[in-house]
Amino acid sequence: VAAHEAEVTQALVEALSAIPQVRLIGTPRERAS
C-alpha cells in the first residue's frame, strides 16, 4: 500500500509542479499521500 501510494503521490507532486500557476504548500523531505 505504501509503495503504491508513494508512486501516485510523487506523480501528483510532479504534475502540480509542472503547472506554472500552481504553488505547492510545503515541500517536506518525506511526504505521505
PDB file of all heavy atoms in Angstrom:
ATOM      1  N   VAL A   1       0.837  -1.204   0.000  1.00  0.00           N
ATOM      2  CA  VAL A   1       0.000   0.000   0.000  1.00  0.00           C
ATOM      3  C   VAL A   1       0.871   1.252   0.000  1.00  0.00           C
ATOM      4  O   VAL A   1       0.658   2.192  -0.774  1.00  0.00           O
ATOM      5  CB  VAL A   1      -0.940  -0.001   1.227  1.00  0.00           C
ATOM      6  CG1 VAL A   1      -1.621   1.359   1.384  1.00  0.00           C
ATOM      7  CG2 VAL A   1      -1.992  -1.099   1.095  1.00  0.00           C
ATOM      8  N   ALA A   2       1.877   1.270   0.872  1.00  0.00           N
ATOM      9  CA  ALA A   2       2.765   2.426   0.966  1.00  0.00           C
ATOM     10  C   ALA A   2       3.510   2.661  -0.340  1.00  0.00           C
ATOM     11  O   ALA A   2       3.658   3.808  -0.787  1.00  0.00           O
ATOM     12  CB  ALA A   2       3.751   2.231   2.118  1.00  0.00           C
ATOM     13  N   ALA A   3       3.973   1.596  -0.981  1.00  0.00           N
ATOM     14  CA  ALA A   3       4.713   1.739  -2.234  1.00  0.00           C
ATOM     15  C   ALA A   3       3.817   2.273  -3.343  1.00  0.00           C
ATOM     16  O   ALA A   3       4.222   3.154  -4.121  1.00  0.00           O
ATOM     17  CB  ALA A   3       5.309   0.396  -2.634  1.00  0.00           C
ATOM     18  N   HIS A   4       2.593   1.765  -3.424  1.00  0.00           N
ATOM     19  CA  HIS A   4       1.660   2.237  -4.450  1.00  0.00           C
ATOM     20  C   HIS A   4       1.320   3.711  -4.250  1.00  0.00           C
ATOM     21  O   HIS A   4       1.371   4.514  -5.190  1.00  0.00           O
ATOM     22  CB  HIS A   4       0.382   1.406  -4.415  1.00  0.00           C
ATOM     23  CG  HIS A   4      -0.728   1.963  -5.248  1.00  0.00           C
ATOM     24  ND1 HIS A   4      -0.744   1.861  -6.626  1.00  0.00           N
ATOM     25  CD2 HIS A   4      -1.842   2.663  -4.899  1.00  0.00           C
ATOM     26  CE1 HIS A   4      -1.824   2.467  -7.096  1.00  0.00           C
ATOM     27  NE2 HIS A   4      -2.506   2.957  -6.069  1.00  0.00           N
ATOM     28  N   GLU A   5       1.013   4.075  -3.019  1.00  0.00           N
ATOM     29  CA  GLU A   5       0.633   5.460  -2.755  1.00  0.00           C
ATOM     30  C   GLU A   5       1.811   6.410  -2.944  1.00  0.00           C
ATOM     31  O   GLU A   5       1.635   7.550  -3.380  1.00  0.00           O
ATOM     32  CB  GLU A   5       0.073   5.576  -1.335  1.00  0.00           C
ATOM     33  CG  GLU A   5      -1.274   4.871  -1.185  1.00  0.00           C
ATOM     34  CD  GLU A   5      -1.873   5.067   0.188  1.00  0.00           C
ATOM     35  OE1 GLU A   5      -1.198   5.671   1.068  1.00  0.00           O
ATOM     36  OE2 GLU A   5      -3.015   4.623   0.408  1.00  0.00           O
ATOM     37  N   ALA A   6       3.021   5.960  -2.639  1.00  0.00           N
ATOM     38  CA  ALA A   6       4.202   6.805  -2.855  1.00  0.00           C
ATOM     39  C   ALA A   6       4.375   7.108  -4.340  1.00  0.00           C
ATOM     40  O   ALA A   6       4.714   8.239  -4.728  1.00  0.00           O
ATOM     41  CB  ALA A   6       5.448   6.115  -2.310  1.00  0.00           C
ATOM     42  N   GLU A   7       4.125   6.121  -5.181  1.00  0.00           N
ATOM     43  CA  GLU A   7       4.237   6.327  -6.634  1.00  0.00           C
ATOM     44  C   GLU A   7       3.207   7.345  -7.125  1.00  0.00           C
ATOM     45  O   GLU A   7       3.527   8.260  -7.896  1.00  0.00           O
ATOM     46  CB  GLU A   7       4.033   4.992  -7.361  1.00  0.00           C
ATOM     47  CG  GLU A   7       4.072   5.111  -8.881  1.00  0.00           C
ATOM     48  CD  GLU A   7       3.758   3.805  -9.587  1.00  0.00           C
ATOM     49  OE1 GLU A   7       3.558   2.779  -8.895  1.00  0.00           O
ATOM     50  OE2 GLU A   7       3.708   3.796 -10.835  1.00  0.00           O
ATOM     51  N   VAL A   8       1.964   7.204  -6.661  1.00  0.00           N
ATOM     52  CA  VAL A   8       0.911   8.111  -7.102  1.00  0.00           C
ATOM     53  C   VAL A   8       1.150   9.513  -6.539  1.00  0.00           C
ATOM     54  O   VAL A   8       0.958  10.516  -7.240  1.00  0.00           O
ATOM     55  CB  VAL A   8      -0.470   7.582  -6.680  1.00  0.00           C
ATOM     56  CG1 VAL A   8      -1.576   8.550  -7.096  1.00  0.00           C
ATOM     57  CG2 VAL A   8      -0.731   6.208  -7.293  1.00  0.00           C
ATOM     58  N   THR A   9       1.580   9.594  -5.280  1.00  0.00           N
ATOM     59  CA  THR A   9       1.837  10.902  -4.664  1.00  0.00           C
ATOM     60  C   THR A   9       2.966  11.629  -5.381  1.00  0.00           C
ATOM     61  O   THR A   9       2.890  12.842  -5.611  1.00  0.00           O
ATOM     62  CB  THR A   9       2.174  10.740  -3.173  1.00  0.00           C
ATOM     63  OG1 THR A   9       1.081  10.089  -2.516  1.00  0.00           O
ATOM     64  CG2 THR A   9       2.419  12.085  -2.518  1.00  0.00           C
ATOM     65  N   GLN A  10       4.022  10.906  -5.744  1.00  0.00           N
ATOM     66  CA  GLN A  10       5.115  11.538  -6.470  1.00  0.00           C
ATOM     67  C   GLN A  10       4.653  12.041  -7.824  1.00  0.00           C
ATOM     68  O   GLN A  10       5.026  13.148  -8.256  1.00  0.00           O
ATOM     69  CB  GLN A  10       6.269  10.547  -6.653  1.00  0.00           C
ATOM     70  CG  GLN A  10       7.488  11.124  -7.359  1.00  0.00           C
ATOM     71  CD  GLN A  10       8.081  12.318  -6.646  1.00  0.00           C
ATOM     72  OE1 GLN A  10       8.063  12.393  -5.418  1.00  0.00           O
ATOM     73  NE2 GLN A  10       8.621  13.262  -7.409  1.00  0.00           N
ATOM     74  N   ALA A  11       3.808  11.267  -8.496  1.00  0.00           N
ATOM     75  CA  ALA A  11       3.244  11.717  -9.778  1.00  0.00           C
ATOM     76  C   ALA A  11       2.400  12.970  -9.578  1.00  0.00           C
ATOM     77  O   ALA A  11       2.410  13.881 -10.426  1.00  0.00           O
ATOM     78  CB  ALA A  11       2.401  10.603 -10.392  1.00  0.00           C
ATOM     79  N   LEU A  12       1.685  13.038  -8.460  1.00  0.00           N
ATOM     80  CA  LEU A  12       0.861  14.208  -8.157  1.00  0.00           C
ATOM     81  C   LEU A  12       1.731  15.444  -7.940  1.00  0.00           C
ATOM     82  O   LEU A  12       1.439  16.525  -8.466  1.00  0.00           O
ATOM     83  CB  LEU A  12       0.015  13.918  -6.918  1.00  0.00           C
ATOM     84  CG  LEU A  12      -0.869  15.044  -6.381  1.00  0.00           C
ATOM     85  CD1 LEU A  12      -1.847  15.524  -7.444  1.00  0.00           C
ATOM     86  CD2 LEU A  12      -1.616  14.566  -5.126  1.00  0.00           C
ATOM     87  N   VAL A  13       2.799  15.296  -7.163  1.00  0.00           N
ATOM     88  CA  VAL A  13       3.714  16.421  -6.926  1.00  0.00           C
ATOM     89  C   VAL A  13       4.309  16.912  -8.242  1.00  0.00           C
ATOM     90  O   VAL A  13       4.372  18.122  -8.509  1.00  0.00           O
ATOM     91  CB  VAL A  13       4.833  16.003  -5.952  1.00  0.00           C
ATOM     92  CG1 VAL A  13       5.921  17.076  -5.881  1.00  0.00           C
ATOM     93  CG2 VAL A  13       4.268  15.738  -4.560  1.00  0.00           C
ATOM     94  N   GLU A  14       4.732  15.990  -9.091  1.00  0.00           N
ATOM     95  CA  GLU A  14       5.352  16.365 -10.360  1.00  0.00           C
ATOM     96  C   GLU A  14       4.351  17.039 -11.290  1.00  0.00           C
ATOM     97  O   GLU A  14       4.680  18.036 -11.957  1.00  0.00           O
ATOM     98  CB  GLU A  14       5.949  15.125 -11.028  1.00  0.00           C
ATOM     99  CG  GLU A  14       7.147  14.553 -10.264  1.00  0.00           C
ATOM    100  CD  GLU A  14       7.634  13.248 -10.849  1.00  0.00           C
ATOM    101  OE1 GLU A  14       7.019  12.762 -11.836  1.00  0.00           O
ATOM    102  OE2 GLU A  14       8.624  12.684 -10.320  1.00  0.00           O
ATOM    103  N   ALA A  15       3.125  16.529 -11.335  1.00  0.00           N
ATOM    104  CA  ALA A  15       2.111  17.109 -12.213  1.00  0.00           C
ATOM    105  C   ALA A  15       1.741  18.518 -11.782  1.00  0.00           C
ATOM    106  O   ALA A  15       1.610  19.432 -12.611  1.00  0.00           O
ATOM    107  CB  ALA A  15       0.872  16.221 -12.237  1.00  0.00           C
ATOM    108  N   LEU A  16       1.580  18.727 -10.477  1.00  0.00           N
ATOM    109  CA  LEU A  16       1.229  20.057  -9.983  1.00  0.00           C
ATOM    110  C   LEU A  16       2.397  21.033 -10.163  1.00  0.00           C
ATOM    111  O   LEU A  16       2.197  22.205 -10.492  1.00  0.00           O
ATOM    112  CB  LEU A  16       0.827  19.984  -8.518  1.00  0.00           C
ATOM    113  CG  LEU A  16      -0.481  19.241  -8.216  1.00  0.00           C
ATOM    114  CD1 LEU A  16      -0.700  19.131  -6.716  1.00  0.00           C
ATOM    115  CD2 LEU A  16      -1.672  19.923  -8.877  1.00  0.00           C
ATOM    116  N   SER A  17       3.612  20.551  -9.944  1.00  0.00           N
ATOM    117  CA  SER A  17       4.785  21.407 -10.081  1.00  0.00           C
ATOM    118  C   SER A  17       4.989  21.868 -11.521  1.00  0.00           C
ATOM    119  O   SER A  17       5.632  22.900 -11.762  1.00  0.00           O
ATOM    120  CB  SER A  17       6.032  20.661  -9.598  1.00  0.00           C
ATOM    121  OG  SER A  17       5.924  20.307  -8.233  1.00  0.00           O
ATOM    122  N   ALA A  18       4.447  21.129 -12.476  1.00  0.00           N
ATOM    123  CA  ALA A  18       4.612  21.466 -13.886  1.00  0.00           C
ATOM    124  C   ALA A  18       3.650  22.552 -14.358  1.00  0.00           C
ATOM    125  O   ALA A  18       3.777  23.045 -15.475  1.00  0.00           O
ATOM    126  CB  ALA A  18       4.436  20.210 -14.738  1.00  0.00           C
ATOM    127  N   ILE A  19       2.693  22.922 -13.514  1.00  0.00           N
ATOM    128  CA  ILE A  19       1.718  23.963 -13.879  1.00  0.00           C
ATOM    129  C   ILE A  19       2.199  25.278 -13.275  1.00  0.00           C
ATOM    130  O   ILE A  19       2.248  25.429 -12.049  1.00  0.00           O
ATOM    131  CB  ILE A  19       0.316  23.608 -13.354  1.00  0.00           C
ATOM    132  CG1 ILE A  19      -0.133  22.241 -13.914  1.00  0.00           C
ATOM    133  CG2 ILE A  19      -0.688  24.692 -13.743  1.00  0.00           C
ATOM    134  CD1 ILE A  19      -1.450  21.744 -13.338  1.00  0.00           C
ATOM    135  N   PRO A  20       2.573  26.263 -14.090  1.00  0.00           N
ATOM    136  CA  PRO A  20       3.194  27.492 -13.573  1.00  0.00           C
ATOM    137  C   PRO A  20       2.358  28.235 -12.536  1.00  0.00           C
ATOM    138  O   PRO A  20       2.908  28.856 -11.626  1.00  0.00           O
ATOM    139  CB  PRO A  20       3.389  28.341 -14.835  1.00  0.00           C
ATOM    140  CG  PRO A  20       3.428  27.360 -15.955  1.00  0.00           C
ATOM    141  CD  PRO A  20       2.495  26.253 -15.554  1.00  0.00           C
ATOM    142  N   GLN A  21       1.050  28.210 -12.655  1.00  0.00           N
ATOM    143  CA  GLN A  21       0.188  28.972 -11.758  1.00  0.00           C
ATOM    144  C   GLN A  21      -0.039  28.280 -10.408  1.00  0.00           C
ATOM    145  O   GLN A  21      -0.686  28.836  -9.521  1.00  0.00           O
ATOM    146  CB  GLN A  21      -1.168  29.234 -12.409  1.00  0.00           C
ATOM    147  CG  GLN A  21      -1.110  30.098 -13.657  1.00  0.00           C
ATOM    148  CD  GLN A  21      -0.832  29.299 -14.915  1.00  0.00           C
ATOM    149  OE1 GLN A  21      -0.464  28.113 -14.853  1.00  0.00           O
ATOM    150  NE2 GLN A  21      -1.014  29.926 -16.069  1.00  0.00           N
ATOM    151  N   VAL A  22       0.467  27.067 -10.251  1.00  0.00           N
ATOM    152  CA  VAL A  22       0.249  26.299  -9.022  1.00  0.00           C
ATOM    153  C   VAL A  22       1.418  26.503  -8.067  1.00  0.00           C
ATOM    154  O   VAL A  22       2.587  26.431  -8.458  1.00  0.00           O
ATOM    155  CB  VAL A  22       0.079  24.801  -9.328  1.00  0.00           C
ATOM    156  CG1 VAL A  22       0.089  23.980  -8.034  1.00  0.00           C
ATOM    157  CG2 VAL A  22      -1.234  24.557 -10.078  1.00  0.00           C
ATOM    158  N   ARG A  23       1.102  26.760  -6.810  1.00  0.00           N
ATOM    159  CA  ARG A  23       2.101  26.885  -5.741  1.00  0.00           C
ATOM    160  C   ARG A  23       1.868  25.775  -4.724  1.00  0.00           C
ATOM    161  O   ARG A  23       0.799  25.702  -4.108  1.00  0.00           O
ATOM    162  CB  ARG A  23       1.986  28.250  -5.066  1.00  0.00           C
ATOM    163  CG  ARG A  23       2.826  28.388  -3.799  1.00  0.00           C
ATOM    164  CD  ARG A  23       2.425  29.634  -3.023  1.00  0.00           C
ATOM    165  NE  ARG A  23       3.012  29.647  -1.689  1.00  0.00           N
ATOM    166  CZ  ARG A  23       2.611  30.464  -0.706  1.00  0.00           C
ATOM    167  NH1 ARG A  23       1.623  31.334  -0.919  1.00  0.00           N
ATOM    168  NH2 ARG A  23       3.186  30.412   0.484  1.00  0.00           N
ATOM    169  N   LEU A  24       2.844  24.906  -4.585  1.00  0.00           N
ATOM    170  CA  LEU A  24       2.745  23.865  -3.572  1.00  0.00           C
ATOM    171  C   LEU A  24       2.972  24.475  -2.188  1.00  0.00           C
ATOM    172  O   LEU A  24       3.845  25.326  -2.006  1.00  0.00           O
ATOM    173  CB  LEU A  24       3.777  22.770  -3.811  1.00  0.00           C
ATOM    174  CG  LEU A  24       3.658  21.968  -5.113  1.00  0.00           C
ATOM    175  CD1 LEU A  24       4.679  20.842  -5.115  1.00  0.00           C
ATOM    176  CD2 LEU A  24       2.260  21.411  -5.291  1.00  0.00           C
ATOM    177  N   ILE A  25       2.197  24.031  -1.226  1.00  0.00           N
ATOM    178  CA  ILE A  25       2.334  24.489   0.154  1.00  0.00           C
ATOM    179  C   ILE A  25       3.030  23.394   0.941  1.00  0.00           C
ATOM    180  O   ILE A  25       2.447  22.355   1.247  1.00  0.00           O
ATOM    181  CB  ILE A  25       0.968  24.831   0.775  1.00  0.00           C
ATOM    182  CG1 ILE A  25       0.237  25.862  -0.075  1.00  0.00           C
ATOM    183  CG2 ILE A  25       1.149  25.317   2.201  1.00  0.00           C
ATOM    184  CD1 ILE A  25       0.956  27.191  -0.227  1.00  0.00           C
ATOM    185  N   GLY A  26       4.288  23.625   1.231  1.00  0.00           N
ATOM    186  CA  GLY A  26       5.083  22.632   1.937  1.00  0.00           C
ATOM    187  C   GLY A  26       5.782  21.682   0.981  1.00  0.00           C
ATOM    188  O   GLY A  26       5.166  21.180   0.032  1.00  0.00           O
ATOM    189  N   THR A  27       7.062  21.479   1.233  1.00  0.00           N
ATOM    190  CA  THR A  27       7.851  20.521   0.441  1.00  0.00           C
ATOM    191  C   THR A  27       8.629  19.630   1.395  1.00  0.00           C
ATOM    192  O   THR A  27       9.866  19.670   1.433  1.00  0.00           O
ATOM    193  CB  THR A  27       8.806  21.250  -0.516  1.00  0.00           C
ATOM    194  OG1 THR A  27       9.640  22.149   0.252  1.00  0.00           O
ATOM    195  CG2 THR A  27       8.041  22.032  -1.566  1.00  0.00           C
ATOM    196  N   PRO A  28       7.953  18.857   2.221  1.00  0.00           N
ATOM    197  CA  PRO A  28       8.644  18.057   3.242  1.00  0.00           C
ATOM    198  C   PRO A  28       9.577  17.021   2.624  1.00  0.00           C
ATOM    199  O   PRO A  28       9.375  16.579   1.494  1.00  0.00           O
ATOM    200  CB  PRO A  28       7.493  17.396   4.000  1.00  0.00           C
ATOM    201  CG  PRO A  28       6.362  17.362   3.023  1.00  0.00           C
ATOM    202  CD  PRO A  28       6.500  18.608   2.211  1.00  0.00           C
ATOM    203  N   ARG A  29      10.582  16.643   3.386  1.00  0.00           N
ATOM    204  CA  ARG A  29      11.542  15.654   2.906  1.00  0.00           C
ATOM    205  C   ARG A  29      10.879  14.308   2.681  1.00  0.00           C
ATOM    206  O   ARG A  29      11.260  13.558   1.794  1.00  0.00           O
ATOM    207  CB  ARG A  29      12.695  15.526   3.909  1.00  0.00           C
ATOM    208  CG  ARG A  29      13.574  16.774   3.976  1.00  0.00           C
ATOM    209  CD  ARG A  29      14.657  16.648   5.044  1.00  0.00           C
ATOM    210  NE  ARG A  29      15.527  17.822   5.047  1.00  0.00           N
ATOM    211  CZ  ARG A  29      15.236  18.951   5.674  1.00  0.00           C
ATOM    212  NH1 ARG A  29      14.099  19.059   6.352  1.00  0.00           N
ATOM    213  NH2 ARG A  29      16.074  19.973   5.640  1.00  0.00           N
ATOM    214  N   GLU A  30       9.923  13.975   3.516  1.00  0.00           N
ATOM    215  CA  GLU A  30       9.160  12.732   3.341  1.00  0.00           C
ATOM    216  C   GLU A  30       7.685  13.070   3.428  1.00  0.00           C
ATOM    217  O   GLU A  30       7.240  13.694   4.381  1.00  0.00           O
ATOM    218  CB  GLU A  30       9.534  11.699   4.409  1.00  0.00           C
ATOM    219  CG  GLU A  30       8.879  10.353   4.197  1.00  0.00           C
ATOM    220  CD  GLU A  30       9.308   9.308   5.211  1.00  0.00           C
ATOM    221  OE1 GLU A  30      10.171   9.606   6.056  1.00  0.00           O
ATOM    222  OE2 GLU A  30       8.761   8.179   5.164  1.00  0.00           O
ATOM    223  N   ARG A  31       6.931  12.655   2.417  1.00  0.00           N
ATOM    224  CA  ARG A  31       5.522  13.024   2.314  1.00  0.00           C
ATOM    225  C   ARG A  31       4.670  11.765   2.202  1.00  0.00           C
ATOM    226  O   ARG A  31       5.075  10.781   1.568  1.00  0.00           O
ATOM    227  CB  ARG A  31       5.306  13.904   1.075  1.00  0.00           C
ATOM    228  CG  ARG A  31       3.890  14.442   0.939  1.00  0.00           C
ATOM    229  CD  ARG A  31       3.664  14.988  -0.464  1.00  0.00           C
ATOM    230  NE  ARG A  31       4.509  16.112  -0.808  1.00  0.00           N
ATOM    231  CZ  ARG A  31       4.194  17.388  -0.584  1.00  0.00           C
ATOM    232  NH1 ARG A  31       3.064  17.691   0.017  1.00  0.00           N
ATOM    233  NH2 ARG A  31       5.019  18.350  -0.963  1.00  0.00           N
ATOM    234  N   ALA A  32       3.482  11.816   2.785  1.00  0.00           N
ATOM    235  CA  ALA A  32       2.565  10.684   2.715  1.00  0.00           C
ATOM    236  C   ALA A  32       1.206  11.135   2.210  1.00  0.00           C
ATOM    237  O   ALA A  32       0.441  11.755   2.946  1.00  0.00           O
ATOM    238  CB  ALA A  32       2.411  10.011   4.078  1.00  0.00           C
ATOM    239  N   SER A  33       0.925  10.902   0.954  1.00  0.00           N
ATOM    240  CA  SER A  33      -0.436  10.865   0.414  1.00  0.00           C
ATOM    241  C   SER A  33      -1.230  12.163   0.443  1.00  0.00           C
ATOM    242  O   SER A  33      -2.421  12.144   0.168  1.00  0.00           O
ATOM    243  CB  SER A  33      -1.260   9.789   1.138  1.00  0.00           C
ATOM    244  OG  SER A  33      -0.634   8.537   0.990  1.00  0.00           O
TER     245      SER A  33
END
